[in-house]
Structure formats: structure tokens, C-alpha cells
Amino acid sequence: MVQPVSYKTVDQVAGPLIFVSKVENAAYGEMVEITNAMGERIRGQVLDTRAGLSVVQVFGATMGLNVGDTSVRFLGETARIAVSDEMLGRVFDGLGNPRDGGPALVSKEKVEIVGSGINPYSREEPSEFIQTGISSIDGMNTLVRGQKLPIFSAAGLPHNLLAAQIARQAKVLGSSESFSVVFAAMGITSEEANFFIRQFEETGALERTALFLNLSSDPSMERILTPRLALTTAEFLAYEREMHVLVILTDMTNYCEALREISAARDEVPGRRGYPGYTYTDLATIYERAGKIKGRKGSITQLPILTMPADDKTHPIPDLTGYITEGQVYVSRELERTGIYPPIDVLESLSRLMNQGIGQGRTREDHRGLADQLYASYAQGKDMRALSAIVGEEALSESDRKFLKVADRFEKMFVRQGASEDRSIEQTLNIGWEVIDPLSDSEIKRIKPELIEKYRRRSKAK
């Protein structure tokens, strides 16, 4: 093991960075301990090292650090986290320290937090359905075990409430493996942190959850570490303890803002909208840690949440996220204004792995056809809604009025549900049949006739 070495050769303090000269054998990602003139200690990490000059990012305020009296101790190891089964039921800060008043974790195992994406050759194809209890996800944009499915939201929308509901309700049907949740929040307010803790405590979900909370008042540099701490914890639970782990990361926009702040402090050439040119690569190092590995029972499923600046889905953060992940769940401001919760716009949403997790033996044989019919009917109904605003509903044909009615029923019966309402997939599909009830059999063109006969009659009988 490399012995720690101290230097008092700080050349410059620039924002969250300090520059240390005449450093020998420093390594990228190496942890350091910084001591100021008052004897206070702050942690940091090497961002860059070349020709004896090391750039260190400081996990804390740099006020009070001066060139002459600051010493930097290079610890000879990368960032690590102690991992154990006792992490479930606990609340940690953005650096992995307990913030629930409980004791520090005692563990022989300390794991490097800088993991790597799963080798494509070693990946197992996702196939098991995860029930979130939310109809617009389970029925229309199904989450599959091992998938990475981001939630695209915007400022002021109830994505935090949605995230907490998914974390409470998510389960793998018919699975013998233990199920746990790792929840990481970056740049949230104290009020939001208390909301998450209260939600998990009141419902008893905290027992199977590990929470990592980085507050907006914490140094933004911590946000770079928080998702990696959470994913390292998830990898331990999944591959060492054979659990299925759902990782929820909110808000990835705050993470990318911290990335841009570091890049600007390093005087790097900015890319799109000031974000560094390596934003895509950096995000991929987080998202690609989700999946299933051949020969391993455990798995990691990711639900990253990001708020689109100015509701712009072409912004670099949602744009790059969409390239890496397998679809998106789109939270709509238009639906939210009408009082619908959760305000998920299924026409803007997509789950690219949906077909691998649904159908006979997984959900139900009518799932794919019913979802297609609901998509088509809702899209046609929204077109009729726009047309009726111009020409009036009376000018529509009888068939067009049926689709207009189906669109209203879809939003009010299928999409809308309570913040604590946990629907089974059976309930979700039955509600879907009720939604298209105004249509005649001849107008239902996306479902096989034998399935119409079997399931439509059953839903009417109920």
C-alpha cells in the first residue's frame, strides 16, 4: 500500500479547485486530505495530474485556504465506501457518512466507488416484469428488470412524489430473490430530504432502502460522488447478496451542473451550452452500471430522474440521456395543469424493452395488443379534441366522438390514480378494457378477435 505523503506546495486556489505543484506519483482519482491554517481538515480528490502538477477538487468550501499555510496529504487510495447488509434502513449524506444519527458502518469490506459499465458480452437479456403499481408505467411503458428507464420531468412537476411512490411500491412478481431500493438524491433542499425520509419511514419501505442525500447546501462537488456511492452499494447488494436492486437517482440535472462547474474551474473548452465535451461519456459511466450479469442472480435496475431546463427535451442532459438509456417516462406539464396525477404523457414516453417483460407467463396475453389499442385510441382522441376546439364537438362524426370520449376516459381512469394507490397489473389491464368500452369490436383493430372475446366480456361481467 502506498504511504500517505504531505505537500505544502499549493500554487493556486480557484473556486472548488486547488493546484499543488512538485507532486510525485499522484494518481487520477486519488483521495487527499487538505488542512488549512486553522487545522481544519477537508477531503478532496485528484482530478488531473501531469508534470508534477496535481489539480484537486475539494469536497467543501475553499474559503480560508491560502497558498502559504495549506497542506495537502495524498492518501494513496481512491474513494472507497464500507459496504454491508446494515446499509438497508439507513440514511447517509452525499459522501456516505450516516446522517440519521446512527453509528458509522463497521465493515471489513471497503469497495472502490469508481465502477465500470457491464461488459456487453457478460450482459444477460432483461426479461422479468417489474410492477411499480402505476398504470401508465406498468401498462404502457413497462419497466423490465435490469433496464435503465429515465424519468424526464421539469421544475415544479411532482417527480419527487412519483419517485417515492415507485420506490415504495416496486416489486418483481413471482421472484424468489430479495428486493431492495437504493435511493440517491443530489442537490435537493432540506424540505425535500425530510419528505423522502418521512415517506419511507411512514410506509415501512425504509427497511429495504438505503438513502443517500446530498443537499443543495452541501458542496456541489459532493454531487459527483453521490450516484457512484449509491451504485457501488447497489452492486454489493446485487452481486454479493443476490438481491434485485432498484436504483433511483434524482436529480441528474443537478449532477450535470456540478460537472459543468468543475469543467469551468479547470478552464476546459466548453461543449454544448457550456457542459464539458465528455458529458456523454461521464453519464454513460453511471447509466451503464445497470443490468443483469450472466451467472449472477442479482440485478440492478435504474430509474434516473432529470428535470429538463425550460421544459426543453432537446437540452443536452435529456438528449444525451436518451441515447444511453432504453426509453423514457415523460412527465407532462399539460396533464399536471388539469389536476391529473401522475401526469405521465404516454405518447411522449417509451420503454424499448417492454416486449421482453410482458405477455403470457409474465403479465397477461392481452397486454401488448391492449397497450397498442390504448395508444392508438388516445392519440386519435387527442386529435379529435384539438379539432373539436376549432369546429365544435357537434361537427364530429359519431365514431370521432367515441374516440374523444376514450381519450377523456384514458386520462381520468387509467392515467389518474392516487399517490398511495398501488395497482396490480391485473387491475391495470382491466381498467384499460374499461377505457375502450365505448368502442365497438370493429373499431378495436389492434387486439386479436379471440382476445377481445375473452377479456372484453370478462371486464364487462365485472
Protein backbone atom coordinates (compact mmCIF):
# COMPACT_ATOMS: atom_id res chain seq x y z
CA MET A 1 0.00 0.00 0.00
CA VAL A 2 1.27 3.50 -0.89
CA GLN A 3 2.15 5.58 2.16
CA PRO A 4 0.42 8.99 2.53
CA VAL A 5 2.62 11.96 1.56
CA SER A 6 2.04 15.61 2.56
CA TYR A 7 2.86 18.69 0.47
CA LYS A 8 2.81 22.43 1.26
CA THR A 9 3.29 23.47 -2.34
CA VAL A 10 -0.15 24.87 -3.16
CA ASP A 11 0.24 27.28 -6.09
CA GLN A 12 -3.32 28.42 -6.57
CA VAL A 13 -6.87 28.17 -5.16
CA ALA A 14 -9.51 28.63 -7.88
CA GLY A 15 -13.13 28.10 -6.90
CA PRO A 16 -13.58 24.45 -5.84
CA LEU A 17 -10.08 23.50 -7.07
CA ILE A 18 -6.58 23.78 -5.65
CA PHE A 19 -3.39 23.34 -7.68
CA VAL A 20 -0.48 21.57 -5.98
CA SER A 21 2.98 21.58 -7.60
CA LYS A 22 6.02 19.32 -7.23
CA VAL A 23 3.87 16.27 -6.53
CA GLU A 24 5.39 12.88 -7.25
CA ASN A 25 3.39 9.82 -8.29
CA ALA A 26 -0.09 11.22 -7.70
CA ALA A 27 -2.85 9.16 -9.34
CA TYR A 28 -6.10 10.19 -11.01
CA GLY A 29 -8.97 9.77 -8.54
CA GLU A 30 -6.64 9.57 -5.53
CA MET A 31 -8.14 10.89 -2.30
CA VAL A 32 -6.45 13.71 -0.40
CA GLU A 33 -6.81 15.40 2.98
CA ILE A 34 -6.48 19.18 3.00
CA THR A 35 -5.56 21.04 6.21
CA ASN A 36 -6.00 24.82 6.40
CA ALA A 37 -4.23 27.34 8.66
CA MET A 38 -6.78 26.72 11.47
CA GLY A 39 -6.09 22.97 11.47
CA GLU A 40 -9.48 22.13 9.91
CA ARG A 41 -9.49 19.16 7.58
CA ILE A 42 -11.39 18.75 4.32
CA ARG A 43 -11.48 15.83 1.92
CA GLY A 44 -10.65 16.15 -1.76
CA GLN A 45 -9.87 14.12 -4.86
CA VAL A 46 -7.26 14.36 -7.62
CA LEU A 47 -8.89 15.44 -10.87
CA ASP A 48 -5.78 15.73 -13.01
CA THR A 49 -2.03 15.21 -12.64
CA ARG A 50 0.77 15.89 -15.09
CA ALA A 51 4.38 17.08 -14.97
CA GLY A 52 4.29 17.22 -11.18
CA LEU A 53 1.20 19.47 -11.01
CA SER A 54 -1.93 17.99 -9.42
CA VAL A 55 -5.41 19.50 -9.66
CA VAL A 56 -7.52 18.63 -6.61
CA GLN A 57 -11.28 19.11 -6.30
CA VAL A 58 -12.31 20.00 -2.76
CA PHE A 59 -15.38 18.44 -1.13
CA GLY A 60 -16.21 21.53 0.84
CA ALA A 61 -15.73 25.29 0.91
CA THR A 62 -12.33 26.62 -0.15
CA MET A 63 -12.73 29.83 1.86
CA GLY A 64 -9.88 30.09 4.37
CA LEU A 65 -7.48 28.12 2.21
CA ASN A 66 -4.41 30.15 1.33
CA VAL A 67 -1.32 29.31 -0.65
CA GLY A 68 1.19 29.58 2.18
CA ASP A 69 -0.49 27.76 5.08
CA THR A 70 -2.44 24.98 3.36
CA SER A 71 -1.07 21.43 3.37
CA VAL A 72 -2.31 18.63 1.15
CA ARG A 73 -1.88 15.00 2.18
CA PHE A 74 -2.12 12.45 -0.64
CA LEU A 75 -3.59 9.28 0.87
CA GLY A 76 -2.51 6.78 -1.79
CA GLU A 77 -6.01 5.32 -2.30
CA THR A 78 -9.09 6.06 -4.37
CA ALA A 79 -12.52 6.87 -2.95
CA ARG A 80 -13.99 3.86 -1.17
CA ILE A 81 -17.14 3.05 0.77
CA ALA A 82 -17.68 0.50 3.51
CA VAL A 83 -20.45 -1.86 2.40
CA SER A 84 -22.59 -4.24 4.44
CA ASP A 85 -26.14 -5.56 4.78
CA GLU A 86 -26.70 -2.97 7.50
CA MET A 87 -26.85 -0.20 4.89
CA LEU A 88 -30.51 -1.04 4.30
CA GLY A 89 -32.71 1.02 6.58
CA ARG A 90 -30.09 3.75 6.90
CA VAL A 91 -29.79 7.34 5.67
CA PHE A 92 -26.42 8.69 4.52
CA ASP A 93 -25.16 12.04 3.27
CA GLY A 94 -23.66 12.58 -0.17
CA LEU A 95 -20.26 11.27 0.94
CA GLY A 96 -21.60 8.10 2.56
CA ASN A 97 -21.49 9.31 6.18
CA PRO A 98 -24.53 8.49 8.39
CA ARG A 99 -26.98 11.39 8.69
CA ASP A 100 -29.68 9.53 10.63
CA GLY A 101 -27.92 9.72 14.00
CA GLY A 102 -26.99 6.04 13.84
CA PRO A 103 -23.50 4.59 14.26
CA ALA A 104 -20.94 4.54 11.47
CA LEU A 105 -20.83 1.32 9.47
CA VAL A 106 -18.28 -1.23 10.60
CA SER A 107 -17.26 -3.43 7.70
CA LYS A 108 -14.17 -5.33 6.62
CA GLU A 109 -15.10 -4.65 3.00
CA LYS A 110 -14.28 -1.25 1.51
CA VAL A 111 -15.04 -1.04 -2.18
CA GLU A 112 -13.84 1.49 -4.75
CA ILE A 113 -16.73 3.66 -5.87
CA VAL A 114 -15.41 4.17 -9.39
CA GLY A 115 -17.00 1.14 -11.01
CA SER A 116 -17.29 0.37 -14.69
CA GLY A 117 -20.08 -0.45 -17.10
CA ILE A 118 -21.06 -4.08 -17.55
CA ASN A 119 -19.24 -5.84 -20.39
CA PRO A 120 -21.83 -6.30 -23.20
CA TYR A 121 -20.72 -9.93 -23.64
CA SER A 122 -21.49 -10.62 -19.97
CA ARG A 123 -24.90 -8.96 -20.03
CA GLU A 124 -27.97 -11.11 -19.72
CA GLU A 125 -31.03 -10.01 -21.67
CA PRO A 126 -33.61 -8.35 -19.37
CA SER A 127 -36.87 -10.29 -19.27
CA GLU A 128 -38.72 -10.05 -15.94
CA PHE A 129 -41.54 -7.57 -15.42
CA ILE A 130 -41.23 -5.10 -12.52
CA GLN A 131 -44.56 -3.93 -11.15
CA THR A 132 -44.46 -0.31 -10.00
CA GLY A 133 -48.19 -0.16 -9.21
CA ILE A 134 -48.55 2.81 -11.61
CA SER A 135 -50.79 2.03 -14.59
CA SER A 136 -49.21 4.44 -17.09
CA ILE A 137 -45.83 2.74 -16.50
CA ASP A 138 -46.89 -0.90 -15.97
CA GLY A 139 -49.46 -0.93 -18.75
CA MET A 140 -47.92 1.34 -21.38
CA ASN A 141 -44.17 1.73 -20.68
CA THR A 142 -43.31 -1.40 -18.75
CA LEU A 143 -40.17 -1.44 -16.61
CA VAL A 144 -38.10 -4.61 -17.03
CA ARG A 145 -35.59 -5.99 -14.55
CA GLY A 146 -32.08 -4.81 -15.48
CA GLN A 147 -33.34 -1.86 -17.54
CA LYS A 148 -32.35 1.80 -17.26
CA LEU A 149 -35.50 3.88 -17.78
CA PRO A 150 -35.17 7.61 -17.02
CA ILE A 151 -38.00 9.92 -15.98
CA PHE A 152 -37.97 13.22 -17.91
CA SER A 153 -39.59 15.91 -15.78
CA ALA A 154 -39.35 19.67 -15.28
CA ALA A 155 -39.26 22.21 -12.45
CA GLY A 156 -42.47 22.29 -10.41
CA LEU A 157 -43.74 18.87 -11.52
CA PRO A 158 -44.34 16.07 -8.96
CA HIS A 159 -41.38 13.85 -9.93
CA ASN A 160 -40.26 13.56 -6.29
CA LEU A 161 -43.68 12.24 -5.26
CA LEU A 162 -43.60 9.84 -8.23
CA ALA A 163 -40.08 8.65 -7.33
CA ALA A 164 -41.09 7.98 -3.72
CA GLN A 165 -44.21 6.10 -4.86
CA ILE A 166 -42.20 3.87 -7.23
CA ALA A 167 -39.60 3.18 -4.54
CA ARG A 168 -42.35 2.13 -2.09
CA GLN A 169 -44.38 0.00 -4.48
CA ALA A 170 -41.90 -1.62 -6.89
CA LYS A 171 -41.69 -5.42 -6.82
CA VAL A 172 -40.69 -8.32 -9.06
CA LEU A 173 -43.67 -10.64 -9.42
CA GLY A 174 -43.05 -14.31 -8.70
CA SER A 175 -39.38 -13.78 -7.87
CA SER A 176 -37.64 -15.59 -5.03
CA GLU A 177 -34.82 -13.01 -4.77
CA SER A 178 -34.88 -10.29 -2.14
CA PHE A 179 -35.84 -6.85 -3.42
CA SER A 180 -34.23 -3.63 -2.22
CA VAL A 181 -34.04 0.03 -3.20
CA VAL A 182 -31.05 2.37 -3.29
CA PHE A 183 -32.22 5.97 -3.44
CA ALA A 184 -29.74 8.78 -4.21
CA ALA A 185 -30.78 12.44 -4.28
CA MET A 186 -28.44 15.19 -5.45
CA GLY A 187 -28.79 18.90 -4.79
CA ILE A 188 -32.17 18.67 -3.05
CA THR A 189 -33.47 21.03 -0.36
CA SER A 190 -33.74 20.09 3.31
CA GLU A 191 -37.52 20.08 2.90
CA GLU A 192 -37.27 17.55 0.07
CA ALA A 193 -34.85 15.41 2.09
CA ASN A 194 -37.28 15.33 5.03
CA PHE A 195 -40.11 14.47 2.61
CA PHE A 196 -38.23 11.42 1.29
CA ILE A 197 -37.25 10.21 4.76
CA ARG A 198 -40.82 10.66 6.04
CA GLN A 199 -42.30 8.85 3.01
CA PHE A 200 -40.07 5.81 3.54
CA GLU A 201 -40.47 5.73 7.32
CA GLU A 202 -44.26 6.06 7.36
CA THR A 203 -44.78 3.24 4.85
CA GLY A 204 -42.16 0.89 6.29
CA ALA A 205 -40.23 0.94 2.99
CA LEU A 206 -37.12 2.28 4.75
CA GLU A 207 -36.29 -1.23 5.99
CA ARG A 208 -35.40 -2.33 2.46
CA THR A 209 -33.94 1.04 1.34
CA ALA A 210 -30.56 2.76 1.55
CA LEU A 211 -30.85 6.56 1.16
CA PHE A 212 -28.02 8.86 0.04
CA LEU A 213 -29.00 12.53 0.33
CA ASN A 214 -26.82 15.37 -0.97
CA LEU A 215 -28.42 18.70 -0.04
CA SER A 216 -28.33 21.90 -2.05
CA SER A 217 -26.43 23.48 0.87
CA ASP A 218 -23.72 20.80 0.60
CA PRO A 219 -20.72 21.44 -1.64
CA SER A 220 -21.67 20.80 -5.25
CA MET A 221 -18.52 18.71 -5.65
CA GLU A 222 -20.12 16.02 -3.48
CA ARG A 223 -22.71 15.51 -6.24
CA ILE A 224 -20.08 13.87 -8.42
CA LEU A 225 -19.58 11.14 -5.79
CA THR A 226 -23.18 10.58 -4.61
CA PRO A 227 -24.51 8.48 -7.56
CA ARG A 228 -21.30 6.43 -7.58
CA LEU A 229 -21.63 5.68 -3.86
CA ALA A 230 -25.23 4.59 -4.46
CA LEU A 231 -24.32 2.35 -7.41
CA THR A 232 -21.42 0.75 -5.53
CA THR A 233 -23.84 -0.07 -2.71
CA ALA A 234 -26.29 -1.47 -5.28
CA GLU A 235 -23.58 -3.65 -6.86
CA PHE A 236 -22.70 -5.11 -3.46
CA LEU A 237 -26.35 -5.93 -2.69
CA ALA A 238 -27.00 -7.31 -6.19
CA TYR A 239 -23.89 -9.37 -6.88
CA GLU A 240 -22.70 -10.27 -3.38
CA ARG A 241 -26.09 -10.64 -1.67
CA GLU A 242 -28.07 -11.79 -4.75
CA MET A 243 -30.78 -9.14 -4.41
CA HIS A 244 -32.67 -7.37 -7.12
CA VAL A 245 -31.90 -3.66 -6.61
CA LEU A 246 -33.84 -0.69 -7.95
CA VAL A 247 -31.61 2.42 -8.06
CA ILE A 248 -33.39 5.78 -8.21
CA LEU A 249 -31.17 8.80 -8.96
CA THR A 250 -32.64 12.29 -8.65
CA ASP A 251 -31.86 14.85 -9.98
CA MET A 252 -29.32 14.13 -12.75
CA THR A 253 -29.60 17.75 -13.89
CA ASN A 254 -28.01 18.85 -10.59
CA TYR A 255 -25.28 16.28 -11.16
CA CYS A 256 -24.54 17.66 -14.63
CA GLU A 257 -24.50 21.23 -13.28
CA ALA A 258 -21.78 20.16 -10.82
CA LEU A 259 -19.90 18.58 -13.72
CA ARG A 260 -20.11 21.87 -15.64
CA GLU A 261 -18.91 23.82 -12.59
CA ILE A 262 -15.79 21.65 -12.30
CA SER A 263 -15.13 21.92 -16.02
CA ALA A 264 -15.36 25.72 -15.92
CA ALA A 265 -13.00 25.88 -12.92
CA ARG A 266 -10.47 23.84 -14.90
CA ASP A 267 -10.75 26.27 -17.85
CA GLU A 268 -11.76 23.44 -20.18
CA VAL A 269 -13.15 24.23 -23.61
CA PRO A 270 -16.95 24.09 -23.16
CA GLY A 271 -19.22 21.96 -25.31
CA ARG A 272 -22.98 22.32 -25.87
CA ARG A 273 -24.47 25.00 -23.60
CA GLY A 274 -21.29 25.11 -21.51
CA TYR A 275 -21.31 21.44 -20.50
CA PRO A 276 -17.98 19.63 -20.92
CA GLY A 277 -17.41 17.64 -24.08
CA TYR A 278 -17.14 14.42 -22.04
CA THR A 279 -20.65 14.73 -20.53
CA TYR A 280 -21.91 11.80 -22.64
CA THR A 281 -19.03 9.58 -21.51
CA ASP A 282 -19.44 10.61 -17.87
CA LEU A 283 -23.18 9.89 -17.87
CA ALA A 284 -22.52 6.52 -19.52
CA THR A 285 -20.20 5.53 -16.63
CA ILE A 286 -23.27 5.89 -14.38
CA TYR A 287 -26.06 4.51 -16.54
CA GLU A 288 -24.14 1.51 -17.88
CA ARG A 289 -23.68 0.10 -14.36
CA ALA A 290 -27.29 -1.14 -14.54
CA GLY A 291 -28.20 -4.57 -15.84
CA LYS A 292 -28.04 -8.32 -15.30
CA ILE A 293 -24.85 -10.38 -15.50
CA LYS A 294 -24.82 -13.93 -16.82
CA GLY A 295 -24.44 -16.44 -14.00
CA ARG A 296 -25.41 -13.93 -11.28
CA LYS A 297 -28.80 -13.98 -9.58
CA GLY A 298 -28.87 -10.32 -8.58
CA SER A 299 -29.54 -7.39 -10.89
CA ILE A 300 -29.60 -3.59 -10.95
CA THR A 301 -32.44 -1.60 -12.49
CA GLN A 302 -32.06 2.16 -12.81
CA LEU A 303 -34.62 4.97 -12.76
CA PRO A 304 -32.67 8.22 -13.20
CA ILE A 305 -34.80 11.35 -12.85
CA LEU A 306 -33.87 14.62 -14.54
CA THR A 307 -35.57 18.00 -14.77
CA MET A 308 -35.39 19.44 -18.27
CA PRO A 309 -34.27 23.10 -18.10
CA ALA A 310 -37.02 25.32 -19.58
CA ASP A 311 -39.00 22.12 -20.38
CA ASP A 312 -36.63 21.59 -23.33
CA LYS A 313 -36.25 17.93 -24.27
CA THR A 314 -33.51 18.86 -26.78
CA HIS A 315 -31.35 20.16 -23.91
CA PRO A 316 -28.01 18.26 -23.71
CA ILE A 317 -28.90 16.42 -20.47
CA PRO A 318 -32.15 14.70 -21.62
CA ASP A 319 -30.75 14.41 -25.14
CA LEU A 320 -27.60 12.54 -24.10
CA THR A 321 -29.50 10.50 -21.50
CA GLY A 322 -31.90 9.32 -24.20
CA TYR A 323 -29.01 7.99 -26.30
CA ILE A 324 -27.64 5.89 -23.43
CA THR A 325 -30.80 4.58 -21.78
CA GLU A 326 -33.64 2.34 -23.00
CA GLY A 327 -36.51 4.79 -23.35
CA GLN A 328 -38.02 7.44 -21.09
CA VAL A 329 -41.08 8.22 -18.99
CA TYR A 330 -42.22 11.76 -19.81
CA VAL A 331 -43.90 13.86 -17.10
CA SER A 332 -46.25 16.38 -18.74
CA ARG A 333 -46.90 19.92 -17.54
CA GLU A 334 -50.11 19.99 -19.60
CA LEU A 335 -51.55 16.99 -17.75
CA GLU A 336 -50.39 18.35 -14.41
CA ARG A 337 -52.32 21.57 -15.04
CA THR A 338 -55.52 19.55 -15.47
CA GLY A 339 -55.04 18.07 -11.99
CA ILE A 340 -54.03 14.57 -13.12
CA TYR A 341 -51.51 12.64 -11.03
CA PRO A 342 -49.20 11.10 -12.06
CA PRO A 343 -49.05 13.43 -15.09
CA ILE A 344 -47.31 10.91 -17.37
CA ASP A 345 -47.77 11.54 -21.10
CA VAL A 346 -47.70 8.04 -22.56
CA LEU A 347 -47.46 9.34 -26.14
CA GLU A 348 -44.12 11.01 -25.33
CA SER A 349 -42.92 8.03 -23.29
CA LEU A 350 -41.25 4.84 -24.44
CA SER A 351 -39.86 1.63 -22.96
CA ARG A 352 -37.66 -0.08 -25.54
CA LEU A 353 -37.53 -3.31 -23.53
CA MET A 354 -41.27 -3.52 -22.84
CA ASN A 355 -41.90 -6.51 -25.14
CA GLN A 356 -39.31 -8.56 -23.27
CA GLY A 357 -41.16 -8.25 -19.96
CA ILE A 358 -44.82 -8.67 -20.93
CA GLY A 359 -47.12 -11.30 -22.39
CA GLN A 360 -48.31 -14.73 -21.31
CA GLY A 361 -46.36 -16.08 -18.34
CA ARG A 362 -45.10 -12.61 -17.40
CA THR A 363 -48.09 -10.24 -17.30
CA ARG A 364 -51.05 -11.34 -19.47
CA GLU A 365 -51.52 -12.46 -23.06
CA ASP A 366 -53.61 -9.40 -23.99
CA HIS A 367 -51.08 -6.87 -22.67
CA ARG A 368 -49.32 -5.95 -25.93
CA GLY A 369 -52.48 -5.68 -28.01
CA LEU A 370 -54.33 -3.70 -25.34
CA ALA A 371 -51.42 -1.27 -24.94
CA ASP A 372 -51.30 -0.74 -28.73
CA GLN A 373 -55.04 -0.12 -28.84
CA LEU A 374 -54.88 2.36 -25.96
CA TYR A 375 -52.00 4.22 -27.67
CA ALA A 376 -53.86 4.43 -30.99
CA SER A 377 -57.21 5.38 -29.44
CA TYR A 378 -55.70 8.02 -27.13
CA ALA A 379 -53.71 9.59 -29.98
CA GLN A 380 -56.81 9.71 -32.20
CA GLY A 381 -58.88 11.08 -29.34
CA LYS A 382 -56.38 13.89 -28.72
CA ASP A 383 -56.54 14.79 -32.41
CA MET A 384 -60.34 14.94 -32.13
CA ARG A 385 -60.01 17.13 -29.03
CA ALA A 386 -57.90 19.62 -30.97
CA LEU A 387 -60.32 19.51 -33.91
CA SER A 388 -63.41 19.99 -31.73
CA ALA A 389 -61.82 23.12 -30.23
CA ILE A 390 -61.96 24.60 -33.75
CA VAL A 391 -65.17 23.24 -35.30
CA GLY A 392 -67.10 22.21 -32.19
CA GLU A 393 -67.92 18.71 -30.94
CA GLU A 394 -71.25 18.70 -32.82
CA ALA A 395 -69.36 18.73 -36.14
CA LEU A 396 -67.59 15.45 -35.33
CA SER A 397 -68.86 12.10 -36.57
CA GLU A 398 -70.25 9.53 -34.15
CA SER A 399 -67.05 7.49 -34.41
CA ASP A 400 -64.88 10.55 -33.76
CA ARG A 401 -66.91 11.40 -30.65
CA LYS A 402 -66.27 7.87 -29.37
CA PHE A 403 -62.50 8.35 -29.62
CA LEU A 404 -62.81 11.76 -27.96
CA LYS A 405 -64.62 10.04 -25.08
CA VAL A 406 -61.96 7.32 -24.90
CA ALA A 407 -59.20 9.97 -24.60
CA ASP A 408 -61.01 11.57 -21.64
CA ARG A 409 -61.61 8.19 -20.01
CA PHE A 410 -57.97 7.21 -20.55
CA GLU A 411 -56.69 10.29 -18.68
CA LYS A 412 -59.27 10.17 -15.88
CA MET A 413 -59.49 6.40 -15.31
CA PHE A 414 -56.18 4.92 -16.47
CA VAL A 415 -53.51 7.62 -16.00
CA ARG A 416 -55.00 9.27 -12.92
CA GLN A 417 -54.54 7.41 -9.66
CA GLY A 418 -53.78 8.20 -6.04
CA ALA A 419 -50.27 8.91 -4.74
CA SER A 420 -50.60 5.87 -2.49
CA GLU A 421 -52.66 3.71 -4.86
CA ASP A 422 -50.82 0.50 -5.73
CA ARG A 423 -52.50 -1.19 -8.71
CA SER A 424 -51.69 -4.75 -9.70
CA ILE A 425 -51.02 -5.44 -13.38
CA GLU A 426 -54.34 -7.32 -13.48
CA GLN A 427 -56.17 -4.19 -12.26
CA THR A 428 -54.29 -2.00 -14.75
CA LEU A 429 -55.22 -4.17 -17.73
CA ASN A 430 -58.86 -4.46 -16.63
CA ILE A 431 -59.07 -0.65 -16.37
CA GLY A 432 -57.62 -0.50 -19.90
CA TRP A 433 -60.52 -2.63 -21.18
CA GLU A 434 -62.98 -0.32 -19.39
CA VAL A 435 -61.37 2.71 -21.08
CA ILE A 436 -62.03 1.38 -24.60
CA ASP A 437 -65.55 0.18 -23.73
CA PRO A 438 -67.25 2.94 -25.85
CA LEU A 439 -65.64 1.45 -28.99
CA SER A 440 -67.34 -1.31 -30.95
CA ASP A 441 -65.48 -4.56 -31.65
CA SER A 442 -64.92 -3.45 -35.25
CA GLU A 443 -63.21 -0.24 -34.06
CA ILE A 444 -60.75 -2.21 -31.90
CA LYS A 445 -58.20 -3.05 -34.57
CA ARG A 446 -55.03 -3.69 -32.53
CA ILE A 447 -56.27 -6.67 -30.48
CA LYS A 448 -56.86 -10.19 -31.76
CA PRO A 449 -60.60 -11.10 -32.02
CA GLU A 450 -60.23 -14.09 -29.68
CA LEU A 451 -58.67 -11.84 -27.01
CA ILE A 452 -61.46 -9.28 -27.45
CA GLU A 453 -63.98 -12.07 -26.93
CA LYS A 454 -62.17 -13.40 -23.86
CA TYR A 455 -61.17 -10.26 -21.97
CA ARG A 456 -63.77 -7.70 -23.03
CA ARG A 457 -66.60 -9.92 -21.93
CA ARG A 458 -64.77 -10.66 -18.66
CA SER A 459 -64.26 -6.95 -17.84
CA LYS A 460 -67.92 -6.22 -18.59
CA ALA A 461 -69.01 -9.07 -16.32
CA LYS A 462 -67.04 -7.49 -13.51
